[in-house]
Amino acid sequence: MAELESHGLPNKTVLRADGTSIYITNDLALTKHKFEKFKLKKAFWVVGNEQDLYFRQLFKIFEILGFKWAKECKHLSHGMVFLPSGKLKSREGKVVDADEIINEMEQLAAEEIRKREEELSEKEVAKRSRAIGLAAIKFHLLKVAVQKDLLFNPEESISFEGETGPYIQYTHARAKSILRKAKKYKKPASFEKLSSPEEQALAKLLTAYPAAVSKALEQLSPHVVCQFLIETAEAFNSFYHKQPVLKAEDKETMAQRLALVEATAHVLKNGLEMLDIEAIEKM
């Protein structure tokens, strides 16, 4: 039994009377092993907020035992994830099977793909639906601040419109399609032709990408990157619908707009990959 009341916490059993281990026994040994073997600078536990007290006790025990790295342990307290059928839990027996969710998302993605390209091979449909299905799940979970509870709605998350992973993928694919049609173009020396509100807004957003990444790191919250990607995709689509690229009034304007398209594709791809989401080139 770890005596923690003097530290303002309830006492905590660390080993059963019969000598068998429990969660905290394993965490004590494993954390020490990880810091020593892998020379960790920091360690994060991304676990539901129901375990807040447990991690406060665990980290206090590290400190009492005299481990220098005790202050480098952090519980990234995550809000609870709900499905229409119930709550997702990581440390209890009542768990919704992740494979079932992934399979469902892939099927929904395949249906959307077939609506758009009926002649696509089954192999290509499977490849794209896998990438889109996983994007839908990951982005939907990451776009909300980690501390907040969220409801995972499969139909909503797979939409190619709105604040979804597939929407960002679709916007990236649209940008790449424009670049493929343009083939090669001469890189512009300046961007004075990009004077419309849509062009200015998009260009300004793209320059803010490093700051968004830094903020996400500082706050330990990927939702900052997600929100940035949503804003960028919306700005790009507004630009795309109002300012012709391949049919611009002159070659210089076309080159400058193509450069803006290429920069957008690069930022969207980089942001998606940062979230472990594949930036596919054809939807």
C-alpha atoms as a PDB file:
ATOM      1  CA  MET A   1       0.000   0.000   0.000  1.00  0.00           C
ATOM      2  CA  ALA A   2       1.394   3.374  -0.977  1.00  0.00           C
ATOM      3  CA  GLU A   3       0.753   6.024   1.697  1.00  0.00           C
ATOM      4  CA  LEU A   4      -0.449   9.093  -0.195  1.00  0.00           C
ATOM      5  CA  GLU A   5      -2.833  10.810   2.226  1.00  0.00           C
ATOM      6  CA  SER A   6      -0.063  13.112   3.444  1.00  0.00           C
ATOM      7  CA  HIS A   7       0.210  14.293  -0.174  1.00  0.00           C
ATOM      8  CA  GLY A   8      -3.495  15.041  -0.436  1.00  0.00           C
ATOM      9  CA  LEU A   9      -4.369  11.845  -2.310  1.00  0.00           C
ATOM     10  CA  PRO A  10      -6.098   8.592  -1.315  1.00  0.00           C
ATOM     11  CA  ASN A  11      -3.769   5.720  -0.417  1.00  0.00           C
ATOM     12  CA  LYS A  12      -3.183   3.280  -3.282  1.00  0.00           C
ATOM     13  CA  THR A  13      -2.719  -0.487  -3.310  1.00  0.00           C
ATOM     14  CA  VAL A  14       0.213  -1.349  -5.586  1.00  0.00           C
ATOM     15  CA  LEU A  15       0.230  -5.138  -5.131  1.00  0.00           C
ATOM     16  CA  ARG A  16      -2.426  -7.653  -4.139  1.00  0.00           C
ATOM     17  CA  ALA A  17      -2.040  -9.540  -0.842  1.00  0.00           C
ATOM     18  CA  ASP A  18      -1.297 -12.743  -2.743  1.00  0.00           C
ATOM     19  CA  GLY A  19       1.563 -11.040  -4.613  1.00  0.00           C
ATOM     20  CA  THR A  20      -0.161 -10.762  -7.973  1.00  0.00           C
ATOM     21  CA  SER A  21       0.082  -7.533  -9.924  1.00  0.00           C
ATOM     22  CA  ILE A  22      -2.564  -4.960 -10.832  1.00  0.00           C
ATOM     23  CA  TYR A  23      -2.530  -2.083 -13.320  1.00  0.00           C
ATOM     24  CA  ILE A  24      -0.404   0.205 -11.178  1.00  0.00           C
ATOM     25  CA  THR A  25       2.139  -2.578 -10.524  1.00  0.00           C
ATOM     26  CA  ASN A  26       2.632  -2.970 -14.257  1.00  0.00           C
ATOM     27  CA  ASP A  27       2.770   0.793 -14.860  1.00  0.00           C
ATOM     28  CA  LEU A  28       5.428   1.230 -12.189  1.00  0.00           C
ATOM     29  CA  ALA A  29       7.707  -1.405 -13.706  1.00  0.00           C
ATOM     30  CA  LEU A  30       7.024  -0.558 -17.344  1.00  0.00           C
ATOM     31  CA  THR A  31       7.568   3.185 -16.950  1.00  0.00           C
ATOM     32  CA  LYS A  32      10.915   2.656 -15.218  1.00  0.00           C
ATOM     33  CA  HIS A  33      11.920   0.249 -17.993  1.00  0.00           C
ATOM     34  CA  LYS A  34      10.918   2.685 -20.756  1.00  0.00           C
ATOM     35  CA  PHE A  35      12.806   5.647 -19.285  1.00  0.00           C
ATOM     36  CA  GLU A  36      15.947   3.584 -18.731  1.00  0.00           C
ATOM     37  CA  LYS A  37      15.953   1.553 -21.959  1.00  0.00           C
ATOM     38  CA  PHE A  38      14.772   4.205 -24.408  1.00  0.00           C
ATOM     39  CA  LYS A  39      16.258   7.269 -22.672  1.00  0.00           C
ATOM     40  CA  LEU A  40      12.927   9.083 -22.725  1.00  0.00           C
ATOM     41  CA  LYS A  41      12.788  12.814 -22.151  1.00  0.00           C
ATOM     42  CA  LYS A  42       9.039  12.808 -21.484  1.00  0.00           C
ATOM     43  CA  ALA A  43       6.257  10.228 -21.267  1.00  0.00           C
ATOM     44  CA  PHE A  44       2.590  10.829 -22.055  1.00  0.00           C
ATOM     45  CA  TRP A  45      -0.431   8.696 -21.243  1.00  0.00           C
ATOM     46  CA  VAL A  46      -3.401   9.443 -23.511  1.00  0.00           C
ATOM     47  CA  VAL A  47      -6.198   7.984 -21.409  1.00  0.00           C
ATOM     48  CA  GLY A  48      -9.789   8.929 -20.604  1.00  0.00           C
ATOM     49  CA  ASN A  49     -10.451  11.538 -17.929  1.00  0.00           C
ATOM     50  CA  GLU A  50     -12.045   8.880 -15.707  1.00  0.00           C
ATOM     51  CA  GLN A  51      -8.485   7.910 -14.810  1.00  0.00           C
ATOM     52  CA  ASP A  52      -7.357  11.379 -13.647  1.00  0.00           C
ATOM     53  CA  LEU A  53      -7.001  10.346  -9.988  1.00  0.00           C
ATOM     54  CA  TYR A  54      -5.164   7.140 -10.879  1.00  0.00           C
ATOM     55  CA  PHE A  55      -2.461   9.020 -12.767  1.00  0.00           C
ATOM     56  CA  ARG A  56      -2.072  11.617 -10.045  1.00  0.00           C
ATOM     57  CA  GLN A  57      -1.425   8.718  -7.650  1.00  0.00           C
ATOM     58  CA  LEU A  58       0.922   6.953 -10.056  1.00  0.00           C
ATOM     59  CA  PHE A  59       3.044  10.039 -10.706  1.00  0.00           C
ATOM     60  CA  LYS A  60       3.199  10.869  -6.991  1.00  0.00           C
ATOM     61  CA  ILE A  61       4.485   7.344  -6.287  1.00  0.00           C
ATOM     62  CA  PHE A  62       7.208   7.866  -8.927  1.00  0.00           C
ATOM     63  CA  GLU A  63       8.170  11.054  -7.109  1.00  0.00           C
ATOM     64  CA  ILE A  64       8.185   9.389  -3.665  1.00  0.00           C
ATOM     65  CA  LEU A  65      10.414   6.603  -5.019  1.00  0.00           C
ATOM     66  CA  GLY A  66      12.921   9.249  -6.033  1.00  0.00           C
ATOM     67  CA  PHE A  67      12.831   8.828  -9.806  1.00  0.00           C
ATOM     68  CA  LYS A  68      14.308  11.956 -11.398  1.00  0.00           C
ATOM     69  CA  TRP A  69      12.007  11.588 -14.405  1.00  0.00           C
ATOM     70  CA  ALA A  70       8.828  11.686 -12.289  1.00  0.00           C
ATOM     71  CA  LYS A  71       8.140  15.301 -13.300  1.00  0.00           C
ATOM     72  CA  GLU A  72       8.428  14.359 -16.973  1.00  0.00           C
ATOM     73  CA  CYS A  73       5.347  12.109 -16.812  1.00  0.00           C
ATOM     74  CA  LYS A  74       2.081  13.598 -18.009  1.00  0.00           C
ATOM     75  CA  HIS A  75      -1.465  12.290 -18.289  1.00  0.00           C
ATOM     76  CA  LEU A  76      -3.067  13.771 -21.409  1.00  0.00           C
ATOM     77  CA  SER A  77      -6.591  13.558 -20.032  1.00  0.00           C
ATOM     78  CA  HIS A  78      -8.877  12.620 -22.915  1.00  0.00           C
ATOM     79  CA  GLY A  79     -12.617  13.180 -23.065  1.00  0.00           C
ATOM     80  CA  MET A  80     -14.807  10.109 -23.421  1.00  0.00           C
ATOM     81  CA  VAL A  81     -15.677   8.821 -26.885  1.00  0.00           C
ATOM     82  CA  PHE A  82     -19.273   7.791 -27.438  1.00  0.00           C
ATOM     83  CA  LEU A  83     -20.881   5.841 -30.253  1.00  0.00           C
ATOM     84  CA  PRO A  84     -24.621   5.689 -30.830  1.00  0.00           C
ATOM     85  CA  SER A  85     -24.337   2.202 -29.281  1.00  0.00           C
ATOM     86  CA  GLY A  86     -22.301   3.178 -26.230  1.00  0.00           C
ATOM     87  CA  LYS A  87     -19.002   4.398 -24.819  1.00  0.00           C
ATOM     88  CA  LEU A  88     -15.515   3.481 -25.986  1.00  0.00           C
ATOM     89  CA  LYS A  89     -13.302   2.405 -23.066  1.00  0.00           C
ATOM     90  CA  SER A  90      -9.684   1.325 -23.118  1.00  0.00           C
ATOM     91  CA  ARG A  91      -9.271  -0.323 -19.712  1.00  0.00           C
ATOM     92  CA  GLU A  92     -12.534  -2.185 -19.233  1.00  0.00           C
ATOM     93  CA  GLY A  93     -14.143  -5.205 -20.832  1.00  0.00           C
ATOM     94  CA  LYS A  94     -16.939  -3.182 -22.451  1.00  0.00           C
ATOM     95  CA  VAL A  95     -15.100  -2.213 -25.610  1.00  0.00           C
ATOM     96  CA  VAL A  96     -16.485  -1.507 -29.054  1.00  0.00           C
ATOM     97  CA  ASP A  97     -14.460  -3.537 -31.543  1.00  0.00           C
ATOM     98  CA  ALA A  98     -12.240  -1.142 -33.510  1.00  0.00           C
ATOM     99  CA  ASP A  99     -12.074  -3.585 -36.427  1.00  0.00           C
ATOM    100  CA  GLU A 100     -15.838  -3.416 -36.772  1.00  0.00           C
ATOM    101  CA  ILE A 101     -15.753   0.371 -36.864  1.00  0.00           C
ATOM    102  CA  ILE A 102     -12.973   0.381 -39.469  1.00  0.00           C
ATOM    103  CA  ASN A 103     -14.822  -2.149 -41.648  1.00  0.00           C
ATOM    104  CA  GLU A 104     -18.002  -0.096 -41.435  1.00  0.00           C
ATOM    105  CA  MET A 105     -16.141   3.069 -42.427  1.00  0.00           C
ATOM    106  CA  GLU A 106     -14.476   1.325 -45.364  1.00  0.00           C
ATOM    107  CA  GLN A 107     -17.867   0.118 -46.623  1.00  0.00           C
ATOM    108  CA  LEU A 108     -19.335   3.614 -46.355  1.00  0.00           C
ATOM    109  CA  ALA A 109     -16.299   5.046 -48.172  1.00  0.00           C
ATOM    110  CA  ALA A 110     -16.583   2.440 -50.930  1.00  0.00           C
ATOM    111  CA  GLU A 111     -20.223   3.417 -51.491  1.00  0.00           C
ATOM    112  CA  GLU A 112     -19.250   7.071 -51.880  1.00  0.00           C
ATOM    113  CA  ILE A 113     -16.400   6.224 -54.263  1.00  0.00           C
ATOM    114  CA  ARG A 114     -18.622   4.086 -56.501  1.00  0.00           C
ATOM    115  CA  LYS A 115     -21.132   6.925 -56.772  1.00  0.00           C
ATOM    116  CA  ARG A 116     -18.407   9.088 -58.294  1.00  0.00           C
ATOM    117  CA  GLU A 117     -16.503   6.551 -60.416  1.00  0.00           C
ATOM    118  CA  GLU A 118     -18.548   3.534 -61.434  1.00  0.00           C
ATOM    119  CA  GLU A 119     -15.811   2.122 -63.687  1.00  0.00           C
ATOM    120  CA  LEU A 120     -13.151   1.992 -60.971  1.00  0.00           C
ATOM    121  CA  SER A 121     -11.622  -1.444 -60.332  1.00  0.00           C
ATOM    122  CA  GLU A 122     -12.442  -3.239 -57.086  1.00  0.00           C
ATOM    123  CA  LYS A 123      -8.757  -3.203 -56.170  1.00  0.00           C
ATOM    124  CA  GLU A 124      -8.605   0.575 -56.481  1.00  0.00           C
ATOM    125  CA  VAL A 125     -11.910   0.979 -54.636  1.00  0.00           C
ATOM    126  CA  ALA A 126     -10.539  -1.106 -51.766  1.00  0.00           C
ATOM    127  CA  LYS A 127      -7.309   0.900 -51.667  1.00  0.00           C
ATOM    128  CA  ARG A 128      -9.058   4.261 -51.608  1.00  0.00           C
ATOM    129  CA  SER A 129     -11.819   3.198 -49.226  1.00  0.00           C
ATOM    130  CA  ARG A 130      -9.208   2.000 -46.720  1.00  0.00           C
ATOM    131  CA  ALA A 131      -7.426   5.358 -46.774  1.00  0.00           C
ATOM    132  CA  ILE A 132     -10.665   7.353 -46.654  1.00  0.00           C
ATOM    133  CA  GLY A 133     -12.231   5.203 -43.940  1.00  0.00           C
ATOM    134  CA  LEU A 134      -9.220   5.565 -41.650  1.00  0.00           C
ATOM    135  CA  ALA A 135      -9.078   9.295 -42.372  1.00  0.00           C
ATOM    136  CA  ALA A 136     -12.718   9.639 -41.350  1.00  0.00           C
ATOM    137  CA  ILE A 137     -12.096   7.931 -38.002  1.00  0.00           C
ATOM    138  CA  LYS A 138      -8.822   9.641 -37.136  1.00  0.00           C
ATOM    139  CA  PHE A 139      -9.863  13.140 -38.118  1.00  0.00           C
ATOM    140  CA  HIS A 140     -13.221  12.893 -36.330  1.00  0.00           C
ATOM    141  CA  LEU A 141     -11.466  11.866 -33.119  1.00  0.00           C
ATOM    142  CA  LEU A 142      -8.691  14.441 -33.414  1.00  0.00           C
ATOM    143  CA  LYS A 143     -10.639  17.530 -34.475  1.00  0.00           C
ATOM    144  CA  VAL A 144     -12.113  17.982 -30.984  1.00  0.00           C
ATOM    145  CA  ALA A 145      -9.971  19.334 -28.121  1.00  0.00           C
ATOM    146  CA  VAL A 146      -8.645  16.338 -26.206  1.00  0.00           C
ATOM    147  CA  GLN A 147     -10.363  17.278 -22.947  1.00  0.00           C
ATOM    148  CA  LYS A 148     -13.859  17.273 -24.450  1.00  0.00           C
ATOM    149  CA  ASP A 149     -16.235  14.323 -24.788  1.00  0.00           C
ATOM    150  CA  LEU A 150     -17.306  13.536 -28.334  1.00  0.00           C
ATOM    151  CA  LEU A 151     -19.870  11.513 -30.213  1.00  0.00           C
ATOM    152  CA  PHE A 152     -18.463   9.518 -33.112  1.00  0.00           C
ATOM    153  CA  ASN A 153     -21.039   9.438 -35.888  1.00  0.00           C
ATOM    154  CA  PRO A 154     -19.869   7.184 -38.770  1.00  0.00           C
ATOM    155  CA  GLU A 155     -22.139   8.717 -41.431  1.00  0.00           C
ATOM    156  CA  GLU A 156     -21.150  12.254 -40.533  1.00  0.00           C
ATOM    157  CA  SER A 157     -17.418  11.511 -40.360  1.00  0.00           C
ATOM    158  CA  ILE A 158     -17.264   9.903 -43.828  1.00  0.00           C
ATOM    159  CA  SER A 159     -18.837  12.853 -45.647  1.00  0.00           C
ATOM    160  CA  PHE A 160     -16.819  14.428 -48.452  1.00  0.00           C
ATOM    161  CA  GLU A 161     -18.176  17.802 -47.315  1.00  0.00           C
ATOM    162  CA  GLY A 162     -17.925  19.610 -44.002  1.00  0.00           C
ATOM    163  CA  GLU A 163     -15.371  19.287 -41.223  1.00  0.00           C
ATOM    164  CA  THR A 164     -14.150  15.771 -42.023  1.00  0.00           C
ATOM    165  CA  GLY A 165     -10.979  13.934 -42.947  1.00  0.00           C
ATOM    166  CA  PRO A 166     -12.365  12.878 -46.351  1.00  0.00           C
ATOM    167  CA  TYR A 167     -13.180  16.540 -47.096  1.00  0.00           C
ATOM    168  CA  ILE A 168      -9.539  17.499 -46.523  1.00  0.00           C
ATOM    169  CA  GLN A 169      -8.408  14.518 -48.629  1.00  0.00           C
ATOM    170  CA  TYR A 170     -10.847  15.502 -51.372  1.00  0.00           C
ATOM    171  CA  THR A 171      -9.551  19.079 -51.396  1.00  0.00           C
ATOM    172  CA  HIS A 172      -5.967  17.827 -51.626  1.00  0.00           C
ATOM    173  CA  ALA A 173      -6.949  15.504 -54.497  1.00  0.00           C
ATOM    174  CA  ARG A 174      -8.639  18.409 -56.286  1.00  0.00           C
ATOM    175  CA  ALA A 175      -5.483  20.507 -56.016  1.00  0.00           C
ATOM    176  CA  LYS A 176      -3.344  17.641 -57.332  1.00  0.00           C
ATOM    177  CA  SER A 177      -5.768  17.130 -60.222  1.00  0.00           C
ATOM    178  CA  ILE A 178      -5.322  20.765 -61.275  1.00  0.00           C
ATOM    179  CA  LEU A 179      -1.542  20.379 -61.152  1.00  0.00           C
ATOM    180  CA  ARG A 180      -1.668  17.185 -63.239  1.00  0.00           C
ATOM    181  CA  LYS A 181      -3.719  18.932 -65.904  1.00  0.00           C
ATOM    182  CA  ALA A 182      -1.312  21.854 -65.930  1.00  0.00           C
ATOM    183  CA  LYS A 183       1.672  19.505 -66.270  1.00  0.00           C
ATOM    184  CA  LYS A 184       4.725  21.769 -66.092  1.00  0.00           C
ATOM    185  CA  TYR A 185       4.604  25.489 -65.457  1.00  0.00           C
ATOM    186  CA  LYS A 186       7.199  28.182 -64.955  1.00  0.00           C
ATOM    187  CA  LYS A 187       7.607  29.114 -61.326  1.00  0.00           C
ATOM    188  CA  PRO A 188       6.580  32.770 -60.921  1.00  0.00           C
ATOM    189  CA  ALA A 189       9.098  35.352 -59.731  1.00  0.00           C
ATOM    190  CA  SER A 190       6.410  37.353 -57.934  1.00  0.00           C
ATOM    191  CA  PHE A 191       2.779  37.112 -56.875  1.00  0.00           C
ATOM    192  CA  GLU A 192       1.418  40.583 -57.590  1.00  0.00           C
ATOM    193  CA  LYS A 193      -1.398  39.097 -59.693  1.00  0.00           C
ATOM    194  CA  LEU A 194      -2.901  37.353 -56.670  1.00  0.00           C
ATOM    195  CA  SER A 195      -4.963  40.348 -55.587  1.00  0.00           C
ATOM    196  CA  SER A 196      -8.485  38.959 -55.159  1.00  0.00           C
ATOM    197  CA  PRO A 197      -9.878  38.496 -51.620  1.00  0.00           C
ATOM    198  CA  GLU A 198      -9.940  34.707 -52.136  1.00  0.00           C
ATOM    199  CA  GLU A 199      -6.300  34.560 -53.216  1.00  0.00           C
ATOM    200  CA  GLN A 200      -5.156  36.858 -50.438  1.00  0.00           C
ATOM    201  CA  ALA A 201      -7.060  34.922 -47.772  1.00  0.00           C
ATOM    202  CA  LEU A 202      -5.637  31.579 -48.906  1.00  0.00           C
ATOM    203  CA  ALA A 203      -2.075  32.877 -49.159  1.00  0.00           C
ATOM    204  CA  LYS A 204      -2.311  34.396 -45.685  1.00  0.00           C
ATOM    205  CA  LEU A 205      -3.571  31.119 -44.233  1.00  0.00           C
ATOM    206  CA  LEU A 206      -0.751  29.109 -45.782  1.00  0.00           C
ATOM    207  CA  THR A 207       1.873  31.327 -44.186  1.00  0.00           C
ATOM    208  CA  ALA A 208       0.238  30.663 -40.789  1.00  0.00           C
ATOM    209  CA  TYR A 209       0.786  26.895 -40.966  1.00  0.00           C
ATOM    210  CA  PRO A 210       4.053  26.775 -38.945  1.00  0.00           C
ATOM    211  CA  ALA A 211       2.408  28.806 -36.177  1.00  0.00           C
ATOM    212  CA  ALA A 212      -0.541  26.383 -36.075  1.00  0.00           C
ATOM    213  CA  VAL A 213       1.815  23.420 -35.731  1.00  0.00           C
ATOM    214  CA  SER A 214       3.751  25.158 -32.946  1.00  0.00           C
ATOM    215  CA  LYS A 215       0.496  25.926 -31.118  1.00  0.00           C
ATOM    216  CA  ALA A 216      -0.651  22.300 -31.421  1.00  0.00           C
ATOM    217  CA  LEU A 217       2.637  21.126 -29.923  1.00  0.00           C
ATOM    218  CA  GLU A 218       2.527  23.691 -27.137  1.00  0.00           C
ATOM    219  CA  GLN A 219      -1.044  22.709 -26.193  1.00  0.00           C
ATOM    220  CA  LEU A 220      -0.511  18.996 -26.891  1.00  0.00           C
ATOM    221  CA  SER A 221      -3.702  19.031 -28.946  1.00  0.00           C
ATOM    222  CA  PRO A 222      -3.884  17.882 -32.601  1.00  0.00           C
ATOM    223  CA  HIS A 223      -7.265  19.609 -32.970  1.00  0.00           C
ATOM    224  CA  VAL A 224      -5.394  22.859 -33.685  1.00  0.00           C
ATOM    225  CA  VAL A 225      -3.929  21.311 -36.848  1.00  0.00           C
ATOM    226  CA  CYS A 226      -7.335  19.841 -37.763  1.00  0.00           C
ATOM    227  CA  GLN A 227      -9.040  23.227 -37.503  1.00  0.00           C
ATOM    228  CA  PHE A 228      -6.271  24.813 -39.559  1.00  0.00           C
ATOM    229  CA  LEU A 229      -6.711  22.207 -42.304  1.00  0.00           C
ATOM    230  CA  ILE A 230     -10.474  22.774 -42.340  1.00  0.00           C
ATOM    231  CA  GLU A 231     -10.003  26.530 -42.732  1.00  0.00           C
ATOM    232  CA  THR A 232      -7.399  26.023 -45.452  1.00  0.00           C
ATOM    233  CA  ALA A 233      -9.584  23.595 -47.388  1.00  0.00           C
ATOM    234  CA  GLU A 234     -12.519  26.004 -47.196  1.00  0.00           C
ATOM    235  CA  ALA A 235     -10.337  28.910 -48.343  1.00  0.00           C
ATOM    236  CA  PHE A 236      -8.936  26.863 -51.218  1.00  0.00           C
ATOM    237  CA  ASN A 237     -12.363  25.775 -52.429  1.00  0.00           C
ATOM    238  CA  SER A 238     -13.613  29.361 -52.285  1.00  0.00           C
ATOM    239  CA  PHE A 239     -10.608  30.423 -54.369  1.00  0.00           C
ATOM    240  CA  TYR A 240     -11.056  27.520 -56.792  1.00  0.00           C
ATOM    241  CA  HIS A 241     -14.720  28.318 -57.455  1.00  0.00           C
ATOM    242  CA  LYS A 242     -14.202  32.058 -57.990  1.00  0.00           C
ATOM    243  CA  GLN A 243     -10.801  32.330 -59.664  1.00  0.00           C
ATOM    244  CA  PRO A 244     -10.050  30.273 -62.807  1.00  0.00           C
ATOM    245  CA  VAL A 245      -6.643  28.635 -62.701  1.00  0.00           C
ATOM    246  CA  LEU A 246      -6.031  26.761 -65.958  1.00  0.00           C
ATOM    247  CA  LYS A 247      -8.228  29.254 -67.826  1.00  0.00           C
ATOM    248  CA  ALA A 248      -6.736  32.355 -66.251  1.00  0.00           C
ATOM    249  CA  GLU A 249      -6.633  35.537 -68.355  1.00  0.00           C
ATOM    250  CA  ASP A 250      -2.898  35.275 -69.035  1.00  0.00           C
ATOM    251  CA  LYS A 251       0.030  32.887 -68.491  1.00  0.00           C
ATOM    252  CA  GLU A 252       1.552  34.924 -65.697  1.00  0.00           C
ATOM    253  CA  THR A 253      -1.673  34.884 -63.691  1.00  0.00           C
ATOM    254  CA  MET A 254      -2.060  31.174 -64.357  1.00  0.00           C
ATOM    255  CA  ALA A 255       1.479  30.464 -63.136  1.00  0.00           C
ATOM    256  CA  GLN A 256       0.942  32.418 -59.938  1.00  0.00           C
ATOM    257  CA  ARG A 257      -2.365  30.690 -59.250  1.00  0.00           C
ATOM    258  CA  LEU A 258      -0.800  27.298 -59.948  1.00  0.00           C
ATOM    259  CA  ALA A 259       1.921  28.114 -57.435  1.00  0.00           C
ATOM    260  CA  LEU A 260      -0.817  28.879 -54.909  1.00  0.00           C
ATOM    261  CA  VAL A 261      -2.494  25.551 -55.719  1.00  0.00           C
ATOM    262  CA  GLU A 262       0.792  23.694 -55.327  1.00  0.00           C
ATOM    263  CA  ALA A 263       1.507  25.373 -51.987  1.00  0.00           C
ATOM    264  CA  THR A 264      -1.975  24.436 -50.769  1.00  0.00           C
ATOM    265  CA  ALA A 265      -1.519  20.807 -51.797  1.00  0.00           C
ATOM    266  CA  HIS A 266       1.820  20.709 -49.988  1.00  0.00           C
ATOM    267  CA  VAL A 267       0.404  22.139 -46.750  1.00  0.00           C
ATOM    268  CA  LEU A 268      -2.659  19.874 -46.798  1.00  0.00           C
ATOM    269  CA  LYS A 269      -0.488  16.806 -47.404  1.00  0.00           C
ATOM    270  CA  ASN A 270       1.940  17.781 -44.665  1.00  0.00           C
ATOM    271  CA  GLY A 271      -0.864  18.466 -42.191  1.00  0.00           C
ATOM    272  CA  LEU A 272      -2.678  15.222 -42.935  1.00  0.00           C
ATOM    273  CA  GLU A 273       0.495  13.179 -42.609  1.00  0.00           C
ATOM    274  CA  MET A 274       1.183  14.875 -39.280  1.00  0.00           C
ATOM    275  CA  LEU A 275      -2.159  13.405 -38.160  1.00  0.00           C
ATOM    276  CA  ASP A 276      -1.174   9.998 -39.614  1.00  0.00           C
ATOM    277  CA  ILE A 277      -3.702  10.378 -42.435  1.00  0.00           C
ATOM    278  CA  GLU A 278      -2.856   9.493 -46.030  1.00  0.00           C
ATOM    279  CA  ALA A 279      -3.131  12.379 -48.486  1.00  0.00           C
ATOM    280  CA  ILE A 280      -4.384  10.430 -51.513  1.00  0.00           C
ATOM    281  CA  GLU A 281      -4.176  12.060 -54.932  1.00  0.00           C
ATOM    282  CA  LYS A 282      -7.373  10.706 -56.486  1.00  0.00           C
ATOM    283  CA  MET A 283     -10.794  10.461 -54.872  1.00  0.00           C
END
